[in-house]
Structure formats: C-alpha cells, structure tokens
C-alpha atoms as a PDB file:
ATOM      1  CA  MET A   1      12.873  55.585  -6.884  1.00  0.00           C
ATOM      2  CA  ASP A   2      16.634  55.069  -6.534  1.00  0.00           C
ATOM      3  CA  LEU A   3      19.352  57.564  -7.229  1.00  0.00           C
ATOM      4  CA  LYS A   4      21.045  56.510 -10.448  1.00  0.00           C
ATOM      5  CA  SER A   5      23.798  58.992 -11.061  1.00  0.00           C
ATOM      6  CA  HIS A   6      24.991  62.492 -10.533  1.00  0.00           C
ATOM      7  CA  PHE A   7      25.890  64.393 -13.651  1.00  0.00           C
ATOM      8  CA  LEU A   8      28.258  67.259 -14.117  1.00  0.00           C
ATOM      9  CA  ILE A   9      28.555  70.026 -16.642  1.00  0.00           C
ATOM     10  CA  LEU A  10      32.231  70.147 -17.530  1.00  0.00           C
ATOM     11  CA  LEU A  11      33.587  73.438 -18.716  1.00  0.00           C
ATOM     12  CA  VAL A  12      37.113  73.562 -19.992  1.00  0.00           C
ATOM     13  CA  LEU A  13      38.587  77.022 -19.904  1.00  0.00           C
ATOM     14  CA  GLY A  14      41.918  77.613 -21.563  1.00  0.00           C
ATOM     15  CA  MET A  15      44.133  80.612 -22.233  1.00  0.00           C
ATOM     16  CA  THR A  16      47.033  80.450 -24.609  1.00  0.00           C
ATOM     17  CA  LYS A  17      50.119  82.632 -24.806  1.00  0.00           C
ATOM     18  CA  PRO A  18      53.171  82.053 -26.979  1.00  0.00           C
ATOM     19  CA  GLY A  19      55.033  79.122 -25.496  1.00  0.00           C
ATOM     20  CA  LEU A  20      52.653  78.837 -22.534  1.00  0.00           C
ATOM     21  CA  THR A  21      49.247  77.203 -22.085  1.00  0.00           C
ATOM     22  CA  TYR A  22      46.969  77.591 -19.116  1.00  0.00           C
ATOM     23  CA  GLY A  23      44.169  75.154 -18.571  1.00  0.00           C
ATOM     24  CA  GLN A  24      41.576  74.689 -15.879  1.00  0.00           C
ATOM     25  CA  ASP A  25      38.756  72.171 -15.588  1.00  0.00           C
ATOM     26  CA  ILE A  26      35.701  73.366 -13.702  1.00  0.00           C
ATOM     27  CA  ASN A  27      33.086  70.848 -12.604  1.00  0.00           C
ATOM     28  CA  ILE A  28      29.706  72.405 -11.989  1.00  0.00           C
ATOM     29  CA  LYS A  29      27.069  70.189 -10.443  1.00  0.00           C
ATOM     30  CA  ILE A  30      23.616  71.342 -11.517  1.00  0.00           C
ATOM     31  CA  GLY A  31      21.604  68.303 -10.519  1.00  0.00           C
ATOM     32  CA  PHE A  32      21.298  64.555 -10.567  1.00  0.00           C
ATOM     33  CA  ARG A  33      19.516  61.892 -12.575  1.00  0.00           C
ATOM     34  CA  ASP A  34      16.936  59.552 -11.088  1.00  0.00           C
ATOM     35  CA  SER A  35      14.383  57.145 -12.541  1.00  0.00           C
ATOM     36  CA  ILE A  36      10.864  55.909 -11.905  1.00  0.00           C
ATOM     37  CA  ARG A  37       9.304  52.664 -13.047  1.00  0.00           C
ATOM     38  CA  SER A  38       5.873  53.710 -14.310  1.00  0.00           C
ATOM     39  CA  GLU A  39       3.064  51.181 -14.100  1.00  0.00           C
ATOM     40  CA  ILE A  40       0.847  53.545 -16.105  1.00  0.00           C
ATOM     41  CA  LEU A  41       3.257  53.955 -19.021  1.00  0.00           C
ATOM     42  CA  HIS A  42       4.823  50.477 -18.662  1.00  0.00           C
ATOM     43  CA  GLU A  43       8.310  51.918 -18.934  1.00  0.00           C
ATOM     44  CA  THR A  44      11.076  53.418 -16.838  1.00  0.00           C
ATOM     45  CA  ARG A  45      11.145  57.218 -16.953  1.00  0.00           C
ATOM     46  CA  LYS A  46      14.269  59.236 -16.253  1.00  0.00           C
ATOM     47  CA  ILE A  47      14.107  62.556 -14.479  1.00  0.00           C
ATOM     48  CA  LEU A  48      16.693  65.232 -13.726  1.00  0.00           C
ATOM     49  CA  ILE A  49      16.467  67.042 -10.409  1.00  0.00           C
ATOM     50  CA  HIS A  50      17.971  70.349  -9.339  1.00  0.00           C
ATOM     51  CA  LEU A  51      17.873  71.352  -5.687  1.00  0.00           C
ATOM     52  CA  PRO A  52      18.440  75.045  -4.954  1.00  0.00           C
ATOM     53  CA  ASP A  53      21.540  76.317  -3.187  1.00  0.00           C
ATOM     54  CA  GLY A  54      21.184  75.896   0.542  1.00  0.00           C
ATOM     55  CA  TYR A  55      18.646  73.096   0.326  1.00  0.00           C
ATOM     56  CA  ASP A  56      20.730  70.697   2.448  1.00  0.00           C
ATOM     57  CA  THR A  57      21.226  73.153   5.305  1.00  0.00           C
ATOM     58  CA  SER A  58      17.910  74.976   5.302  1.00  0.00           C
ATOM     59  CA  LYS A  59      14.562  73.941   6.707  1.00  0.00           C
ATOM     60  CA  GLN A  60      12.721  75.779   3.955  1.00  0.00           C
ATOM     61  CA  SER A  61      10.088  74.169   1.731  1.00  0.00           C
ATOM     62  CA  TYR A  62      10.151  74.950  -1.976  1.00  0.00           C
ATOM     63  CA  THR A  63       7.900  75.338  -4.985  1.00  0.00           C
ATOM     64  CA  VAL A  64       8.591  72.689  -7.655  1.00  0.00           C
ATOM     65  CA  LEU A  65       8.874  73.492 -11.351  1.00  0.00           C
ATOM     66  CA  TYR A  66       8.085  70.449 -13.519  1.00  0.00           C
ATOM     67  CA  ARG A  67       9.929  70.964 -16.793  1.00  0.00           C
ATOM     68  CA  LEU A  68       8.804  68.983 -19.839  1.00  0.00           C
ATOM     69  CA  ASP A  69      11.279  68.030 -22.602  1.00  0.00           C
ATOM     70  CA  GLY A  70      13.923  67.427 -19.962  1.00  0.00           C
ATOM     71  CA  SER A  71      17.593  66.934 -20.851  1.00  0.00           C
ATOM     72  CA  PRO A  72      20.913  68.001 -19.290  1.00  0.00           C
ATOM     73  CA  ASN A  73      21.032  70.961 -21.695  1.00  0.00           C
ATOM     74  CA  SER A  74      17.469  72.055 -21.004  1.00  0.00           C
ATOM     75  CA  LEU A  75      18.018  71.656 -17.255  1.00  0.00           C
ATOM     76  CA  PHE A  76      21.134  73.811 -17.476  1.00  0.00           C
ATOM     77  CA  GLY A  77      19.140  76.583 -19.202  1.00  0.00           C
ATOM     78  CA  THR A  78      16.256  76.256 -16.760  1.00  0.00           C
ATOM     79  CA  VAL A  79      18.581  76.467 -13.761  1.00  0.00           C
ATOM     80  CA  ALA A  80      20.303  79.514 -15.263  1.00  0.00           C
ATOM     81  CA  VAL A  81      16.969  81.335 -15.448  1.00  0.00           C
ATOM     82  CA  ALA A  82      15.839  80.127 -12.005  1.00  0.00           C
ATOM     83  CA  ASN A  83      19.097  81.371 -10.463  1.00  0.00           C
ATOM     84  CA  ARG A  84      18.199  84.860 -11.614  1.00  0.00           C
ATOM     85  CA  MET A  85      14.985  84.593  -9.572  1.00  0.00           C
ATOM     86  CA  THR A  86      16.560  83.790  -6.215  1.00  0.00           C
ATOM     87  CA  ASP A  87      15.818  87.310  -4.955  1.00  0.00           C
ATOM     88  CA  ILE A  88      12.135  86.409  -5.434  1.00  0.00           C
ATOM     89  CA  GLN A  89      12.255  82.773  -4.318  1.00  0.00           C
ATOM     90  CA  LYS A  90      14.276  79.601  -4.848  1.00  0.00           C
ATOM     91  CA  ILE A  91      12.704  76.548  -6.491  1.00  0.00           C
ATOM     92  CA  ILE A  92      13.251  72.839  -7.031  1.00  0.00           C
ATOM     93  CA  ILE A  93      13.354  71.808 -10.689  1.00  0.00           C
ATOM     94  CA  VAL A  94      12.249  68.390 -11.943  1.00  0.00           C
ATOM     95  CA  ALA A  95      12.950  67.867 -15.651  1.00  0.00           C
ATOM     96  CA  ILE A  96      11.172  64.901 -17.256  1.00  0.00           C
ATOM     97  CA  GLU A  97      13.215  63.302 -20.028  1.00  0.00           C
ATOM     98  CA  ASN A  98      11.447  62.201 -23.205  1.00  0.00           C
ATOM     99  CA  VAL A  99      10.924  58.626 -24.332  1.00  0.00           C
ATOM    100  CA  ASN A 100       8.389  59.151 -27.106  1.00  0.00           C
ATOM    101  CA  ARG A 101       7.719  62.878 -27.203  1.00  0.00           C
ATOM    102  CA  ASP A 102       4.971  62.946 -29.825  1.00  0.00           C
ATOM    103  CA  ARG A 103       3.044  60.153 -28.121  1.00  0.00           C
ATOM    104  CA  ASP A 104       3.247  61.691 -24.661  1.00  0.00           C
ATOM    105  CA  MET A 105       2.442  65.273 -25.625  1.00  0.00           C
ATOM    106  CA  MET A 106      -0.499  64.593 -27.941  1.00  0.00           C
ATOM    107  CA  PRO A 107      -3.958  64.137 -26.385  1.00  0.00           C
ATOM    108  CA  VAL A 108      -5.775  63.929 -29.728  1.00  0.00           C
ATOM    109  CA  LYS A 109      -5.034  62.714 -33.247  1.00  0.00           C
ATOM    110  CA  SER A 110      -4.016  65.259 -35.856  1.00  0.00           C
ATOM    111  CA  ASN A 111      -3.081  65.276 -39.507  1.00  0.00           C
ATOM    112  CA  TYR A 112       0.279  66.568 -38.299  1.00  0.00           C
ATOM    113  CA  TYR A 113       0.714  63.555 -36.039  1.00  0.00           C
ATOM    114  CA  SER A 114      -1.246  60.332 -36.506  1.00  0.00           C
ATOM    115  CA  GLY A 115       0.728  58.008 -34.239  1.00  0.00           C
ATOM    116  CA  THR A 116      -0.223  56.627 -30.850  1.00  0.00           C
ATOM    117  CA  ILE A 117      -1.946  59.177 -28.623  1.00  0.00           C
ATOM    118  CA  GLY A 118      -0.677  59.143 -25.035  1.00  0.00           C
ATOM    119  CA  GLY A 119      -1.265  62.601 -23.554  1.00  0.00           C
ATOM    120  CA  GLU A 120      -3.896  61.401 -21.081  1.00  0.00           C
ATOM    121  CA  LYS A 121      -1.689  58.583 -19.778  1.00  0.00           C
ATOM    122  CA  PHE A 122       1.357  60.814 -19.544  1.00  0.00           C
ATOM    123  CA  LEU A 123      -0.577  63.352 -17.475  1.00  0.00           C
ATOM    124  CA  SER A 124      -1.807  60.524 -15.250  1.00  0.00           C
ATOM    125  CA  PHE A 125       1.813  59.403 -14.756  1.00  0.00           C
ATOM    126  CA  ILE A 126       2.773  62.914 -13.658  1.00  0.00           C
ATOM    127  CA  GLU A 127      -0.216  63.183 -11.310  1.00  0.00           C
ATOM    128  CA  THR A 128      -0.299  59.777  -9.644  1.00  0.00           C
ATOM    129  CA  GLU A 129       3.292  58.535  -9.853  1.00  0.00           C
ATOM    130  CA  LEU A 130       5.793  61.359 -10.270  1.00  0.00           C
ATOM    131  CA  ILE A 131       4.387  64.156  -8.090  1.00  0.00           C
ATOM    132  CA  PRO A 132       3.703  61.943  -5.025  1.00  0.00           C
ATOM    133  CA  ILE A 133       7.275  60.621  -5.130  1.00  0.00           C
ATOM    134  CA  ILE A 134       8.783  64.100  -5.424  1.00  0.00           C
ATOM    135  CA  GLU A 135       6.637  65.509  -2.628  1.00  0.00           C
ATOM    136  CA  ASN A 136       7.388  62.564  -0.364  1.00  0.00           C
ATOM    137  CA  LYS A 137      11.147  62.684  -0.917  1.00  0.00           C
ATOM    138  CA  TYR A 138      11.849  66.432  -0.988  1.00  0.00           C
ATOM    139  CA  ARG A 139      10.798  69.441   1.076  1.00  0.00           C
ATOM    140  CA  THR A 140       8.137  70.993  -1.085  1.00  0.00           C
ATOM    141  CA  ASN A 141       5.409  73.478  -0.215  1.00  0.00           C
ATOM    142  CA  GLN A 142       2.938  71.645  -2.481  1.00  0.00           C
ATOM    143  CA  LYS A 143       3.037  74.519  -4.952  1.00  0.00           C
ATOM    144  CA  ARG A 144       3.707  73.297  -8.473  1.00  0.00           C
ATOM    145  CA  ILE A 145       4.499  74.928 -11.823  1.00  0.00           C
ATOM    146  CA  LEU A 146       4.260  73.128 -15.171  1.00  0.00           C
ATOM    147  CA  TYR A 147       6.463  74.395 -17.989  1.00  0.00           C
ATOM    148  CA  GLY A 148       6.379  73.265 -21.617  1.00  0.00           C
ATOM    149  CA  GLN A 149       7.436  74.630 -24.974  1.00  0.00           C
ATOM    150  CA  SER A 150       6.342  73.986 -28.545  1.00  0.00           C
ATOM    151  CA  LEU A 151       4.661  70.545 -28.546  1.00  0.00           C
ATOM    152  CA  SER A 152       5.008  70.308 -24.774  1.00  0.00           C
ATOM    153  CA  GLY A 153       3.405  73.769 -24.670  1.00  0.00           C
ATOM    154  CA  LEU A 154       0.378  72.143 -26.305  1.00  0.00           C
ATOM    155  CA  PHE A 155       0.472  69.521 -23.555  1.00  0.00           C
ATOM    156  CA  THR A 156       0.696  72.273 -20.923  1.00  0.00           C
ATOM    157  CA  LEU A 157      -2.551  73.752 -22.231  1.00  0.00           C
ATOM    158  CA  TYR A 158      -4.134  70.288 -22.197  1.00  0.00           C
ATOM    159  CA  ALA A 159      -3.066  69.816 -18.561  1.00  0.00           C
ATOM    160  CA  LEU A 160      -4.477  73.226 -17.640  1.00  0.00           C
ATOM    161  CA  LEU A 161      -7.860  72.390 -19.155  1.00  0.00           C
ATOM    162  CA  THR A 162      -8.191  68.824 -17.861  1.00  0.00           C
ATOM    163  CA  LYS A 163      -6.355  69.006 -14.503  1.00  0.00           C
ATOM    164  CA  PRO A 164      -6.443  72.683 -13.481  1.00  0.00           C
ATOM    165  CA  LYS A 165      -6.005  71.846  -9.787  1.00  0.00           C
ATOM    166  CA  LEU A 166      -2.909  69.711 -10.348  1.00  0.00           C
ATOM    167  CA  PHE A 167      -0.600  72.710 -10.743  1.00  0.00           C
ATOM    168  CA  ASP A 168      -0.724  76.174  -9.245  1.00  0.00           C
ATOM    169  CA  ALA A 169       0.795  77.753 -12.338  1.00  0.00           C
ATOM    170  CA  TYR A 170       1.292  76.977 -16.015  1.00  0.00           C
ATOM    171  CA  ILE A 171       3.922  78.355 -18.416  1.00  0.00           C
ATOM    172  CA  GLY A 172       3.694  77.615 -22.150  1.00  0.00           C
ATOM    173  CA  CYS A 173       6.248  78.986 -24.641  1.00  0.00           C
ATOM    174  CA  SER A 174       5.283  78.748 -28.326  1.00  0.00           C
ATOM    175  CA  ALA A 175       2.017  77.424 -26.946  1.00  0.00           C
ATOM    176  CA  GLY A 176      -1.010  76.456 -28.993  1.00  0.00           C
ATOM    177  CA  TRP A 177      -2.266  73.575 -31.079  1.00  0.00           C
ATOM    178  CA  PHE A 178      -2.424  72.335 -34.653  1.00  0.00           C
ATOM    179  CA  ALA A 179      -5.153  73.821 -36.854  1.00  0.00           C
ATOM    180  CA  ASP A 180      -7.147  70.586 -37.035  1.00  0.00           C
ATOM    181  CA  CYS A 181      -7.127  70.365 -33.210  1.00  0.00           C
ATOM    182  CA  ASP A 182      -8.921  73.686 -32.801  1.00  0.00           C
ATOM    183  CA  ASP A 183     -12.397  72.206 -32.308  1.00  0.00           C
ATOM    184  CA  PHE A 184     -11.045  69.744 -29.730  1.00  0.00           C
ATOM    185  CA  PHE A 185      -9.258  72.368 -27.644  1.00  0.00           C
ATOM    186  CA  MET A 186     -11.953  75.028 -27.843  1.00  0.00           C
ATOM    187  CA  GLU A 187     -14.644  72.544 -26.826  1.00  0.00           C
ATOM    188  CA  LEU A 188     -12.362  71.332 -24.025  1.00  0.00           C
ATOM    189  CA  SER A 189     -11.951  74.958 -22.945  1.00  0.00           C
ATOM    190  CA  ARG A 190     -15.689  75.681 -22.949  1.00  0.00           C
ATOM    191  CA  LYS A 191     -16.412  72.588 -20.849  1.00  0.00           C
ATOM    192  CA  ALA A 192     -13.585  73.300 -18.404  1.00  0.00           C
ATOM    193  CA  PHE A 193     -14.513  76.950 -17.921  1.00  0.00           C
ATOM    194  CA  LYS A 194     -18.082  76.042 -16.931  1.00  0.00           C
ATOM    195  CA  ASP A 195     -16.609  75.114 -13.542  1.00  0.00           C
ATOM    196  CA  ALA A 196     -14.801  78.403 -13.019  1.00  0.00           C
ATOM    197  CA  GLY A 197     -14.117  77.648  -9.359  1.00  0.00           C
ATOM    198  CA  GLN A 198     -11.521  74.991 -10.166  1.00  0.00           C
ATOM    199  CA  PHE A 199      -9.343  77.727 -11.684  1.00  0.00           C
ATOM    200  CA  ASN A 200      -9.391  80.016  -8.648  1.00  0.00           C
ATOM    201  CA  GLY A 201      -5.990  81.574  -8.058  1.00  0.00           C
ATOM    202  CA  LYS A 202      -4.283  79.881 -11.005  1.00  0.00           C
ATOM    203  CA  LYS A 203      -1.356  81.709 -12.574  1.00  0.00           C
ATOM    204  CA  ILE A 204      -1.015  81.249 -16.319  1.00  0.00           C
ATOM    205  CA  PHE A 205       1.594  82.623 -18.718  1.00  0.00           C
ATOM    206  CA  MET A 206       1.463  81.777 -22.431  1.00  0.00           C
ATOM    207  CA  ALA A 207       3.744  83.132 -25.140  1.00  0.00           C
ATOM    208  CA  ASN A 208       4.238  82.993 -28.894  1.00  0.00           C
ATOM    209  CA  SER A 209       6.418  84.503 -31.587  1.00  0.00           C
ATOM    210  CA  LEU A 210       4.915  86.646 -34.322  1.00  0.00           C
ATOM    211  CA  ILE A 211       7.715  85.562 -36.668  1.00  0.00           C
ATOM    212  CA  ASP A 212       7.582  81.843 -35.897  1.00  0.00           C
ATOM    213  CA  LYS A 213       8.461  79.814 -38.995  1.00  0.00           C
ATOM    214  CA  TYR A 214       6.136  77.075 -37.732  1.00  0.00           C
ATOM    215  CA  ASP A 215       3.253  79.555 -37.622  1.00  0.00           C
ATOM    216  CA  ALA A 216       3.959  81.662 -40.684  1.00  0.00           C
ATOM    217  CA  ASP A 217       0.253  82.408 -41.253  1.00  0.00           C
ATOM    218  CA  GLN A 218      -0.260  83.128 -37.521  1.00  0.00           C
ATOM    219  CA  LYS A 219      -3.141  80.680 -37.247  1.00  0.00           C
ATOM    220  CA  ILE A 220      -1.831  79.353 -33.960  1.00  0.00           C
ATOM    221  CA  HIS A 221      -1.466  82.902 -32.673  1.00  0.00           C
ATOM    222  CA  GLN A 222      -5.060  83.645 -33.686  1.00  0.00           C
ATOM    223  CA  GLN A 223      -6.248  80.478 -31.951  1.00  0.00           C
ATOM    224  CA  MET A 224      -4.464  81.625 -28.802  1.00  0.00           C
ATOM    225  CA  LEU A 225      -6.116  85.028 -29.070  1.00  0.00           C
ATOM    226  CA  ASN A 226      -9.508  83.297 -29.287  1.00  0.00           C
ATOM    227  CA  PHE A 227      -8.596  81.069 -26.349  1.00  0.00           C
ATOM    228  CA  SER A 228      -7.413  84.064 -24.321  1.00  0.00           C
ATOM    229  CA  GLU A 229     -10.639  85.944 -24.965  1.00  0.00           C
ATOM    230  CA  LEU A 230     -12.737  82.941 -23.934  1.00  0.00           C
ATOM    231  CA  LEU A 231     -10.665  82.462 -20.783  1.00  0.00           C
ATOM    232  CA  LYS A 232     -10.955  86.110 -19.761  1.00  0.00           C
ATOM    233  CA  THR A 233     -14.698  86.121 -20.465  1.00  0.00           C
ATOM    234  CA  LYS A 234     -15.441  82.949 -18.502  1.00  0.00           C
ATOM    235  CA  LEU A 235     -12.893  83.181 -15.685  1.00  0.00           C
ATOM    236  CA  GLY A 236     -12.350  86.924 -15.289  1.00  0.00           C
ATOM    237  CA  ASP A 237     -10.351  87.827 -12.189  1.00  0.00           C
ATOM    238  CA  LYS A 238     -10.447  84.277 -10.816  1.00  0.00           C
ATOM    239  CA  VAL A 239      -7.103  83.717 -12.555  1.00  0.00           C
ATOM    240  CA  ASN A 240      -3.933  85.659 -13.238  1.00  0.00           C
ATOM    241  CA  TYR A 241      -3.502  85.262 -16.984  1.00  0.00           C
ATOM    242  CA  LYS A 242      -1.008  86.758 -19.403  1.00  0.00           C
ATOM    243  CA  TYR A 243      -0.542  86.085 -23.118  1.00  0.00           C
ATOM    244  CA  VAL A 244       2.622  87.640 -24.535  1.00  0.00           C
ATOM    245  CA  THR A 245       3.937  87.813 -28.090  1.00  0.00           C
ATOM    246  CA  TYR A 246       7.441  88.598 -29.339  1.00  0.00           C
ATOM    247  CA  ASP A 247       8.229  90.068 -32.748  1.00  0.00           C
ATOM    248  CA  ASN A 248      12.027  89.783 -32.675  1.00  0.00           C
ATOM    249  CA  TYR A 249      12.472  86.130 -31.661  1.00  0.00           C
ATOM    250  CA  GLY A 250      11.506  83.011 -33.563  1.00  0.00           C
ATOM    251  CA  HIS A 251      10.112  79.684 -32.365  1.00  0.00           C
ATOM    252  CA  VAL A 252      10.206  79.396 -28.553  1.00  0.00           C
ATOM    253  CA  PRO A 253      11.157  83.060 -27.980  1.00  0.00           C
ATOM    254  CA  TYR A 254      14.326  83.264 -25.925  1.00  0.00           C
ATOM    255  CA  PRO A 255      13.012  85.646 -23.203  1.00  0.00           C
ATOM    256  CA  ALA A 256       9.654  83.897 -22.802  1.00  0.00           C
ATOM    257  CA  PHE A 257      10.589  81.467 -20.038  1.00  0.00           C
ATOM    258  CA  TYR A 258      12.360  84.189 -18.044  1.00  0.00           C
ATOM    259  CA  ASP A 259       9.344  86.495 -18.393  1.00  0.00           C
ATOM    260  CA  GLY A 260       6.942  83.682 -17.531  1.00  0.00           C
ATOM    261  CA  LEU A 261       8.777  82.425 -14.463  1.00  0.00           C
ATOM    262  CA  LYS A 262       9.251  85.961 -13.138  1.00  0.00           C
ATOM    263  CA  TYR A 263       5.544  86.660 -13.618  1.00  0.00           C
ATOM    264  CA  ILE A 264       4.550  83.471 -11.783  1.00  0.00           C
ATOM    265  CA  LEU A 265       6.991  83.730  -8.872  1.00  0.00           C
ATOM    266  CA  GLU A 266       6.219  87.391  -8.198  1.00  0.00           C
ATOM    267  CA  LEU A 267       2.513  86.570  -8.057  1.00  0.00           C
ATOM    268  CA  GLN A 268       3.197  83.686  -5.661  1.00  0.00           C
ATOM    269  CA  VAL A 269       5.064  86.004  -3.306  1.00  0.00           C
ATOM    270  CA  LYS A 270       2.287  88.616  -3.420  1.00  0.00           C
ATOM    271  CA  ASN A 271      -0.401  86.011  -2.773  1.00  0.00           C
END
C-alpha cells in the first residue's frame, strides 16, 4: 500500500468593505488518500485516512473507526464529530471510498436491487486485506468500530451478524433492510444469536428516523424493533445495545452519528 496523495480542504474566507477587500486562504489538512490492490475484489480500492492530532509525537495506540461510503466530504464530517470526542478518546479514521456501492453493500438479492451481489466479498476484503494493512502500518490498539449509513447501514448489520468478532463496535444510521430481505436477515439473526458468546462485550448503536421519506410506512423501523427484541432476548447483557429513533430529522438523522460514537467511546473507556 503506497501513499498516493495528501488532500486538503481549502477554505476561502473573504471580507469586503467599500474600496477594500480582505482575503485569506486557509489550508486544513484532514487526512490523506491511499490505495490497496484487492485480490478478492480484483480492483484497486481507495481509502482516506485521518490520524488524530498528536499521533506523530505520541506513543499512544488508537481505536480505528472504519467508515463506509468514504469521500473527502464524508471524512470531513466524520473528523468534525470525532474531534468533539477527544476528551473521551482520540481515534484513527479509515474511510473506504465506493466503487460500486450497491454491489458491495448488498449481501442478498432484492426487488429493490437485482444487480450483482458482493456484500460477502466486500466484507472479506475488509477483514483479510484492509484491516491487516492498517494494523500493521499504524499504531492501533486492535479495537475497531464499523460505521455505515443507509445502504451501508444495512451492510453494517450484515457484518455484525456474520462477523461479530471482526469489530468491537457497530454504528448504523438509517439502519435496516428492504422489506423483501426480512426473512433473510431475521433467519441470519436467529442463527447468529445461537452462539451468544461470539457477541460478548460488543457495543452496538442503531438509529432511524420516524419521518424518513424512504420509510414512510415505517416498515423498516418495525423490522428494527423486531430485530432489537430478538437481540435483547437472545443476547441479554452480553452486549451493550441501543436503538434510537429521531422524529425531527429525516433520512440519516443528523445527530445519530454523534450520539452513536459518543455512546461507543464512553463504553470503551468504562470497560
């Protein structure tokens, strides 16, 4: 994995008075872009990496947040939230850029998406190619958080149910699945929860909007309520689980990631 390029967020601030203009360019480095040639996916995958302030001079090891749907904009927002958590703990952020989002996030065919299904391969790429490289190259404490939203929130649930030991914590905003995937995910949940021990100590935060235009009939919300009840029944206090809904924010509720990351990091510190 070779460093490809640093990228900067350029903010241009200007003030204007009659006959006089003030201008100042401010370069803010929030991370850098790297790439991995994946033998599993048969393609090169780009990632964006943010190292916390003080990383270069400290000897500290850090938790890594793996952020799906990565882009410079999404990394900027993720870093902004993470910077508000520095009084709890600092984290490394790895944002995975999309190549074919629908393919990678879907583990099962649906009437809503009938293209190539690649969720299993994409998860294998994260497990066997991406994570080992990150943990070999950077000072991590081997604690990992997976964060997805909307369709990547569906993938986050899939990862939780099929690879519960891969991450220590899971955050899904506007999480759930399509109506015709309900049997698949509930059966996957029942099978996974039979081995309750593999979920010991996991920290899970899921969120949805009650006014989501993509879930106007609240079927996804109801599916998540059913999932939450099954999880609590089968896993009990083996996990730290929270399902939150918002009634004043639409799809991917704005406060959800902040609430989820705060919940996870505070639990990590306590444990």
